Amino acid sequence: MEAVRATERTQLRRLPKRATYQRETIYSILDEALVCHVGFAYWDQPYVIPTLHVRDGDRLYLHGSAASRMLNTAATQLPVCVTVTLIDGLVLARSAFHHSVNYRSVVILGNAARVDDREAKLGVLRALVEKIAPGRWAHTRTPTDKELAATMVLQFPIEEASAKVRTGQPMDDEADYALPHWAGVIPLRLAASAPIVDPRMPSGTATPEHVLALTKSFALPNGQR
């Protein structure tokens, strides 16, 4: 898989050894993350808004209300920055200065384009639902034409992008390794609890298998809590 080209705007200058421009890494981070943050300027005021996203090939898709300030601003071809961050662990060092986190992050710069074709919009919405809960689309009502009209979908090319990754143990100053302070990594991961049934569900409705499977996919290994 061909790497994205590092540009003046995406080339990492601080800790460049943590940078990668490999699409495989960038795509895996985007696919695992449930939420991205979209940065844009509106009337000289910067905003950063969290939202759901989904990737299909070399395109990133966002959706929301057709009245959304964020989406309408991006749809005018103004430059936008999309970021994603996954936190994998807390890095506790011997010195306060060297405390850190293990993480995987992606930054995408570019201009958005609207997706107006009805079937294309439905395809993006289906992909979003399936990303959140695989198998869910078949257990939902399809959006109506009115709902589709009230929804805006944007696509971003994943071309001007970079990933940054930190792994491993703390990197203390050599003289500090003799100190008695505990140092190491506390791994972190996303976990799910048991499903909470909507009280307006008809009595006796069984929890579908795709919901149970989703809960298990976020379960901690070996019964850890």
C-alpha atoms as a PDB file:
ATOM      1  CA  MET A   1       0.000   0.000   0.000  1.00  0.00           C
ATOM      2  CA  GLU A   2       1.522   3.299  -1.099  1.00  0.00           C
ATOM      3  CA  ALA A   3       2.337   5.827   1.639  1.00  0.00           C
ATOM      4  CA  VAL A   4       0.864   9.314   1.690  1.00  0.00           C
ATOM      5  CA  ARG A   5       3.294  12.038   0.713  1.00  0.00           C
ATOM      6  CA  ALA A   6       4.675  14.089   3.595  1.00  0.00           C
ATOM      7  CA  THR A   7       4.088  17.791   2.966  1.00  0.00           C
ATOM      8  CA  GLU A   8       5.360  20.978   4.538  1.00  0.00           C
ATOM      9  CA  ARG A   9       2.195  21.030   6.654  1.00  0.00           C
ATOM     10  CA  THR A  10       2.162  17.377   7.747  1.00  0.00           C
ATOM     11  CA  GLN A  11       5.852  16.526   8.199  1.00  0.00           C
ATOM     12  CA  LEU A  12       6.568  16.042  11.896  1.00  0.00           C
ATOM     13  CA  ARG A  13       9.353  18.190  13.251  1.00  0.00           C
ATOM     14  CA  ARG A  14       9.197  17.317  16.947  1.00  0.00           C
ATOM     15  CA  LEU A  15      10.084  13.680  17.644  1.00  0.00           C
ATOM     16  CA  PRO A  16      10.023  12.802  13.941  1.00  0.00           C
ATOM     17  CA  LYS A  17      10.921   9.157  14.727  1.00  0.00           C
ATOM     18  CA  ARG A  18       7.352   8.711  15.952  1.00  0.00           C
ATOM     19  CA  ALA A  19       5.923   9.773  12.612  1.00  0.00           C
ATOM     20  CA  THR A  20       4.596   7.455   9.935  1.00  0.00           C
ATOM     21  CA  TYR A  21       3.008   8.193   6.607  1.00  0.00           C
ATOM     22  CA  GLN A  22       2.076   4.593   5.845  1.00  0.00           C
ATOM     23  CA  ARG A  23      -1.553   4.271   4.810  1.00  0.00           C
ATOM     24  CA  GLU A  24      -1.882   0.949   6.605  1.00  0.00           C
ATOM     25  CA  THR A  25      -1.095   2.604   9.951  1.00  0.00           C
ATOM     26  CA  ILE A  26      -3.177   5.709   9.243  1.00  0.00           C
ATOM     27  CA  TYR A  27      -6.170   3.635   8.154  1.00  0.00           C
ATOM     28  CA  SER A  28      -5.980   1.263  11.135  1.00  0.00           C
ATOM     29  CA  ILE A  29      -6.064   4.190  13.583  1.00  0.00           C
ATOM     30  CA  LEU A  30      -8.982   5.849  11.786  1.00  0.00           C
ATOM     31  CA  ASP A  31     -10.903   2.570  11.689  1.00  0.00           C
ATOM     32  CA  GLU A  32     -10.386   1.783  15.374  1.00  0.00           C
ATOM     33  CA  ALA A  33     -11.290   5.250  16.664  1.00  0.00           C
ATOM     34  CA  LEU A  34     -14.977   5.948  17.256  1.00  0.00           C
ATOM     35  CA  VAL A  35     -14.657   9.737  17.430  1.00  0.00           C
ATOM     36  CA  CYS A  36     -12.673  12.325  15.499  1.00  0.00           C
ATOM     37  CA  HIS A  37     -12.304  16.063  16.091  1.00  0.00           C
ATOM     38  CA  VAL A  38     -12.848  18.528  13.273  1.00  0.00           C
ATOM     39  CA  GLY A  39     -11.081  21.890  13.411  1.00  0.00           C
ATOM     40  CA  PHE A  40     -12.266  24.818  11.304  1.00  0.00           C
ATOM     41  CA  ALA A  41     -12.425  28.602  11.381  1.00  0.00           C
ATOM     42  CA  TYR A  42     -15.730  30.493  11.322  1.00  0.00           C
ATOM     43  CA  TRP A  43     -15.679  34.309  11.234  1.00  0.00           C
ATOM     44  CA  ASP A  44     -12.080  34.290  12.501  1.00  0.00           C
ATOM     45  CA  GLN A  45     -13.033  32.107  15.469  1.00  0.00           C
ATOM     46  CA  PRO A  46     -11.474  28.618  15.568  1.00  0.00           C
ATOM     47  CA  TYR A  47     -13.697  25.703  16.599  1.00  0.00           C
ATOM     48  CA  VAL A  48     -12.922  22.046  17.256  1.00  0.00           C
ATOM     49  CA  ILE A  49     -15.955  19.754  17.222  1.00  0.00           C
ATOM     50  CA  PRO A  50     -16.080  16.032  18.065  1.00  0.00           C
ATOM     51  CA  THR A  51     -18.085  13.791  15.755  1.00  0.00           C
ATOM     52  CA  LEU A  52     -18.357  10.244  14.414  1.00  0.00           C
ATOM     53  CA  HIS A  53     -16.531   9.242  11.248  1.00  0.00           C
ATOM     54  CA  VAL A  54     -16.041   6.307   8.943  1.00  0.00           C
ATOM     55  CA  ARG A  55     -13.408   5.495   6.324  1.00  0.00           C
ATOM     56  CA  ASP A  56     -14.050   3.891   2.975  1.00  0.00           C
ATOM     57  CA  GLY A  57     -10.943   3.376   0.894  1.00  0.00           C
ATOM     58  CA  ASP A  58      -8.957   6.605   0.704  1.00  0.00           C
ATOM     59  CA  ARG A  59     -11.887   8.774   1.833  1.00  0.00           C
ATOM     60  CA  LEU A  60     -13.015   9.825   5.306  1.00  0.00           C
ATOM     61  CA  TYR A  61     -16.721  10.555   5.749  1.00  0.00           C
ATOM     62  CA  LEU A  62     -18.551  12.749   8.266  1.00  0.00           C
ATOM     63  CA  HIS A  63     -22.262  13.284   8.686  1.00  0.00           C
ATOM     64  CA  GLY A  64     -24.615  15.465  10.692  1.00  0.00           C
ATOM     65  CA  SER A  65     -27.484  17.886  10.523  1.00  0.00           C
ATOM     66  CA  ALA A  66     -27.854  19.813   7.276  1.00  0.00           C
ATOM     67  CA  ALA A  67     -27.952  22.902   9.520  1.00  0.00           C
ATOM     68  CA  SER A  68     -24.591  22.084  11.138  1.00  0.00           C
ATOM     69  CA  ARG A  69     -22.230  25.078  11.194  1.00  0.00           C
ATOM     70  CA  MET A  70     -19.254  22.763  11.059  1.00  0.00           C
ATOM     71  CA  LEU A  71     -20.456  20.829   8.021  1.00  0.00           C
ATOM     72  CA  ASN A  72     -21.724  23.884   6.164  1.00  0.00           C
ATOM     73  CA  THR A  73     -18.422  25.678   6.733  1.00  0.00           C
ATOM     74  CA  ALA A  74     -16.440  22.687   5.516  1.00  0.00           C
ATOM     75  CA  ALA A  75     -18.737  22.277   2.518  1.00  0.00           C
ATOM     76  CA  THR A  76     -17.656  25.715   1.216  1.00  0.00           C
ATOM     77  CA  GLN A  77     -14.197  24.255   0.509  1.00  0.00           C
ATOM     78  CA  LEU A  78     -12.557  26.093   3.402  1.00  0.00           C
ATOM     79  CA  PRO A  79      -9.569  24.132   4.787  1.00  0.00           C
ATOM     80  CA  VAL A  80     -10.334  21.711   7.593  1.00  0.00           C
ATOM     81  CA  CYS A  81      -8.208  19.694  10.021  1.00  0.00           C
ATOM     82  CA  VAL A  82      -9.459  16.292  11.196  1.00  0.00           C
ATOM     83  CA  THR A  83      -7.706  14.563  14.088  1.00  0.00           C
ATOM     84  CA  VAL A  84      -8.050  11.193  15.812  1.00  0.00           C
ATOM     85  CA  THR A  85      -6.301  10.017  18.988  1.00  0.00           C
ATOM     86  CA  LEU A  86      -6.204   6.622  20.701  1.00  0.00           C
ATOM     87  CA  ILE A  87      -4.698   6.428  24.208  1.00  0.00           C
ATOM     88  CA  ASP A  88      -3.050   3.048  24.838  1.00  0.00           C
ATOM     89  CA  GLY A  89      -1.435   3.596  28.218  1.00  0.00           C
ATOM     90  CA  LEU A  90      -0.248   5.936  30.960  1.00  0.00           C
ATOM     91  CA  VAL A  91       3.544   6.182  31.075  1.00  0.00           C
ATOM     92  CA  LEU A  92       4.768   6.841  34.631  1.00  0.00           C
ATOM     93  CA  ALA A  93       8.386   7.885  34.772  1.00  0.00           C
ATOM     94  CA  ARG A  94      10.806   8.371  37.638  1.00  0.00           C
ATOM     95  CA  SER A  95      10.814  12.103  36.988  1.00  0.00           C
ATOM     96  CA  ALA A  96       7.693  14.225  36.700  1.00  0.00           C
ATOM     97  CA  PHE A  97       9.123  15.750  33.534  1.00  0.00           C
ATOM     98  CA  HIS A  98       9.184  12.473  31.595  1.00  0.00           C
ATOM     99  CA  HIS A  99       5.641  11.293  32.346  1.00  0.00           C
ATOM    100  CA  SER A 100       3.779  10.650  29.117  1.00  0.00           C
ATOM    101  CA  VAL A 101       1.153   8.487  27.419  1.00  0.00           C
ATOM    102  CA  ASN A 102       1.370   5.785  24.792  1.00  0.00           C
ATOM    103  CA  TYR A 103      -0.843   6.843  21.920  1.00  0.00           C
ATOM    104  CA  ARG A 104      -1.660   6.562  18.235  1.00  0.00           C
ATOM    105  CA  SER A 105      -2.861   9.695  16.441  1.00  0.00           C
ATOM    106  CA  VAL A 106      -3.692  10.878  12.935  1.00  0.00           C
ATOM    107  CA  VAL A 107      -3.960  14.373  11.464  1.00  0.00           C
ATOM    108  CA  ILE A 108      -5.658  14.933   8.096  1.00  0.00           C
ATOM    109  CA  LEU A 109      -5.638  18.275   6.292  1.00  0.00           C
ATOM    110  CA  GLY A 110      -7.817  19.016   3.317  1.00  0.00           C
ATOM    111  CA  ASN A 111     -11.024  20.282   1.806  1.00  0.00           C
ATOM    112  CA  ALA A 112     -14.370  18.545   1.996  1.00  0.00           C
ATOM    113  CA  ALA A 113     -16.823  17.722  -0.751  1.00  0.00           C
ATOM    114  CA  ARG A 114     -20.539  17.125  -0.279  1.00  0.00           C
ATOM    115  CA  VAL A 115     -22.064  13.746  -1.002  1.00  0.00           C
ATOM    116  CA  ASP A 116     -25.491  14.482  -2.489  1.00  0.00           C
ATOM    117  CA  ASP A 117     -26.305  11.309  -4.401  1.00  0.00           C
ATOM    118  CA  ARG A 118     -29.078   9.495  -2.521  1.00  0.00           C
ATOM    119  CA  GLU A 119     -27.614   6.000  -2.759  1.00  0.00           C
ATOM    120  CA  ALA A 120     -24.126   7.249  -1.920  1.00  0.00           C
ATOM    121  CA  LYS A 121     -25.447   9.003   1.205  1.00  0.00           C
ATOM    122  CA  LEU A 122     -27.288   5.862   2.264  1.00  0.00           C
ATOM    123  CA  GLY A 123     -24.108   3.884   1.761  1.00  0.00           C
ATOM    124  CA  VAL A 124     -22.140   6.221   4.035  1.00  0.00           C
ATOM    125  CA  LEU A 125     -24.832   6.158   6.722  1.00  0.00           C
ATOM    126  CA  ARG A 126     -24.918   2.385   6.571  1.00  0.00           C
ATOM    127  CA  ALA A 127     -21.129   2.254   6.901  1.00  0.00           C
ATOM    128  CA  LEU A 128     -21.281   4.555   9.941  1.00  0.00           C
ATOM    129  CA  VAL A 129     -23.902   2.390  11.659  1.00  0.00           C
ATOM    130  CA  GLU A 130     -22.019  -0.795  10.823  1.00  0.00           C
ATOM    131  CA  LYS A 131     -18.775   0.664  12.164  1.00  0.00           C
ATOM    132  CA  ILE A 132     -20.396   1.480  15.504  1.00  0.00           C
ATOM    133  CA  ALA A 133     -22.270  -1.820  15.760  1.00  0.00           C
ATOM    134  CA  PRO A 134     -21.534  -4.472  13.117  1.00  0.00           C
ATOM    135  CA  GLY A 135     -24.737  -6.127  11.963  1.00  0.00           C
ATOM    136  CA  ARG A 136     -26.915  -3.270  13.209  1.00  0.00           C
ATOM    137  CA  TRP A 137     -28.151  -1.883   9.859  1.00  0.00           C
ATOM    138  CA  ALA A 138     -30.351  -4.932   9.234  1.00  0.00           C
ATOM    139  CA  HIS A 139     -32.057  -4.349  12.606  1.00  0.00           C
ATOM    140  CA  THR A 140     -33.000  -0.700  11.979  1.00  0.00           C
ATOM    141  CA  ARG A 141     -35.473   1.295   9.918  1.00  0.00           C
ATOM    142  CA  THR A 142     -33.925   2.744   6.770  1.00  0.00           C
ATOM    143  CA  PRO A 143     -33.785   6.581   6.742  1.00  0.00           C
ATOM    144  CA  THR A 144     -36.673   8.275   4.979  1.00  0.00           C
ATOM    145  CA  ASP A 145     -36.221  10.807   2.184  1.00  0.00           C
ATOM    146  CA  LYS A 146     -37.053  13.548   4.691  1.00  0.00           C
ATOM    147  CA  GLU A 147     -34.359  12.307   7.069  1.00  0.00           C
ATOM    148  CA  LEU A 148     -31.850  12.077   4.235  1.00  0.00           C
ATOM    149  CA  ALA A 149     -32.640  15.652   3.210  1.00  0.00           C
ATOM    150  CA  ALA A 150     -32.015  16.772   6.797  1.00  0.00           C
ATOM    151  CA  THR A 151     -28.614  15.038   6.832  1.00  0.00           C
ATOM    152  CA  MET A 152     -25.405  16.315   5.271  1.00  0.00           C
ATOM    153  CA  VAL A 153     -22.578  13.940   4.362  1.00  0.00           C
ATOM    154  CA  LEU A 154     -19.048  15.152   3.608  1.00  0.00           C
ATOM    155  CA  GLN A 155     -16.049  13.297   2.242  1.00  0.00           C
ATOM    156  CA  PHE A 156     -12.376  14.121   2.784  1.00  0.00           C
ATOM    157  CA  PRO A 157      -9.518  12.722   0.718  1.00  0.00           C
ATOM    158  CA  ILE A 158      -6.889  11.024   2.880  1.00  0.00           C
ATOM    159  CA  GLU A 159      -3.920  12.462   1.020  1.00  0.00           C
ATOM    160  CA  GLU A 160      -2.330  15.142   3.189  1.00  0.00           C
ATOM    161  CA  ALA A 161      -2.048  13.185   6.421  1.00  0.00           C
ATOM    162  CA  SER A 162       0.352  11.818   9.009  1.00  0.00           C
ATOM    163  CA  ALA A 163       0.275   9.481  11.985  1.00  0.00           C
ATOM    164  CA  LYS A 164       2.251   9.755  15.213  1.00  0.00           C
ATOM    165  CA  VAL A 165       2.757   6.812  17.560  1.00  0.00           C
ATOM    166  CA  ARG A 166       4.385   6.404  20.975  1.00  0.00           C
ATOM    167  CA  THR A 167       4.961   2.968  22.477  1.00  0.00           C
ATOM    168  CA  GLY A 168       7.072   1.465  25.221  1.00  0.00           C
ATOM    169  CA  GLN A 169       8.406   2.387  28.617  1.00  0.00           C
ATOM    170  CA  PRO A 170       9.310   5.804  30.078  1.00  0.00           C
ATOM    171  CA  MET A 171      12.481   7.425  28.818  1.00  0.00           C
ATOM    172  CA  ASP A 172      14.093   8.825  31.949  1.00  0.00           C
ATOM    173  CA  ASP A 173      17.397  10.617  32.189  1.00  0.00           C
ATOM    174  CA  GLU A 174      20.166   8.070  32.679  1.00  0.00           C
ATOM    175  CA  ALA A 175      20.976   9.357  36.172  1.00  0.00           C
ATOM    176  CA  ASP A 176      17.351   8.867  37.272  1.00  0.00           C
ATOM    177  CA  TYR A 177      17.270   5.103  36.639  1.00  0.00           C
ATOM    178  CA  ALA A 178      18.902   4.575  40.040  1.00  0.00           C
ATOM    179  CA  LEU A 179      16.060   6.377  41.833  1.00  0.00           C
ATOM    180  CA  PRO A 180      13.663   4.220  43.921  1.00  0.00           C
ATOM    181  CA  HIS A 181      10.505   5.652  42.339  1.00  0.00           C
ATOM    182  CA  TRP A 182       8.232   3.151  40.574  1.00  0.00           C
ATOM    183  CA  ALA A 183       8.162   3.503  36.806  1.00  0.00           C
ATOM    184  CA  GLY A 184       6.271   1.684  34.086  1.00  0.00           C
ATOM    185  CA  VAL A 185       3.179   1.667  31.902  1.00  0.00           C
ATOM    186  CA  ILE A 186      -0.477   1.296  32.865  1.00  0.00           C
ATOM    187  CA  PRO A 187      -2.222  -0.072  29.750  1.00  0.00           C
ATOM    188  CA  LEU A 188      -5.587   1.441  28.866  1.00  0.00           C
ATOM    189  CA  ARG A 189      -8.353   0.184  26.574  1.00  0.00           C
ATOM    190  CA  LEU A 190     -12.000   0.861  25.788  1.00  0.00           C
ATOM    191  CA  ALA A 191     -14.367  -1.478  27.645  1.00  0.00           C
ATOM    192  CA  ALA A 192     -18.132  -2.015  27.549  1.00  0.00           C
ATOM    193  CA  SER A 193     -20.625  -2.865  30.293  1.00  0.00           C
ATOM    194  CA  ALA A 194     -23.768  -4.972  29.937  1.00  0.00           C
ATOM    195  CA  PRO A 195     -26.415  -3.510  27.581  1.00  0.00           C
ATOM    196  CA  ILE A 196     -29.081  -1.315  29.227  1.00  0.00           C
ATOM    197  CA  VAL A 197     -32.450  -2.044  27.638  1.00  0.00           C
ATOM    198  CA  ASP A 198     -34.681   0.869  26.618  1.00  0.00           C
ATOM    199  CA  PRO A 199     -37.605   0.789  29.101  1.00  0.00           C
ATOM    200  CA  ARG A 200     -40.029   1.294  26.196  1.00  0.00           C
ATOM    201  CA  MET A 201     -38.991  -1.959  24.559  1.00  0.00           C
ATOM    202  CA  PRO A 202     -41.863  -4.494  24.437  1.00  0.00           C
ATOM    203  CA  SER A 203     -41.658  -6.921  27.330  1.00  0.00           C
ATOM    204  CA  GLY A 204     -39.839 -10.132  26.538  1.00  0.00           C
ATOM    205  CA  THR A 205     -37.853  -8.777  23.575  1.00  0.00           C
ATOM    206  CA  ALA A 206     -34.593 -10.696  23.395  1.00  0.00           C
ATOM    207  CA  THR A 207     -31.292  -8.893  23.080  1.00  0.00           C
ATOM    208  CA  PRO A 208     -30.099  -9.588  19.515  1.00  0.00           C
ATOM    209  CA  GLU A 209     -26.895 -11.467  18.906  1.00  0.00           C
ATOM    210  CA  HIS A 210     -25.133  -8.513  17.251  1.00  0.00           C
ATOM    211  CA  VAL A 211     -25.617  -6.448  20.447  1.00  0.00           C
ATOM    212  CA  LEU A 212     -24.218  -9.240  22.616  1.00  0.00           C
ATOM    213  CA  ALA A 213     -21.308  -9.675  20.204  1.00  0.00           C
ATOM    214  CA  LEU A 214     -20.552  -5.957  20.367  1.00  0.00           C
ATOM    215  CA  THR A 215     -20.455  -6.067  24.163  1.00  0.00           C
ATOM    216  CA  LYS A 216     -18.106  -9.057  24.079  1.00  0.00           C
ATOM    217  CA  SER A 217     -15.797  -7.340  21.572  1.00  0.00           C
ATOM    218  CA  PHE A 218     -15.028  -4.670  24.183  1.00  0.00           C
ATOM    219  CA  ALA A 219     -14.756  -7.127  27.089  1.00  0.00           C
ATOM    220  CA  LEU A 220     -11.578  -7.145  29.130  1.00  0.00           C
ATOM    221  CA  PRO A 221      -9.464 -10.273  28.734  1.00  0.00           C
ATOM    222  CA  ASN A 222      -9.609 -13.090  31.323  1.00  0.00           C
ATOM    223  CA  GLY A 223     -12.453 -11.469  33.238  1.00  0.00           C
ATOM    224  CA  GLN A 224     -10.388  -8.447  34.275  1.00  0.00           C
ATOM    225  CA  ARG A 225     -12.287  -5.491  35.684  1.00  0.00           C
END
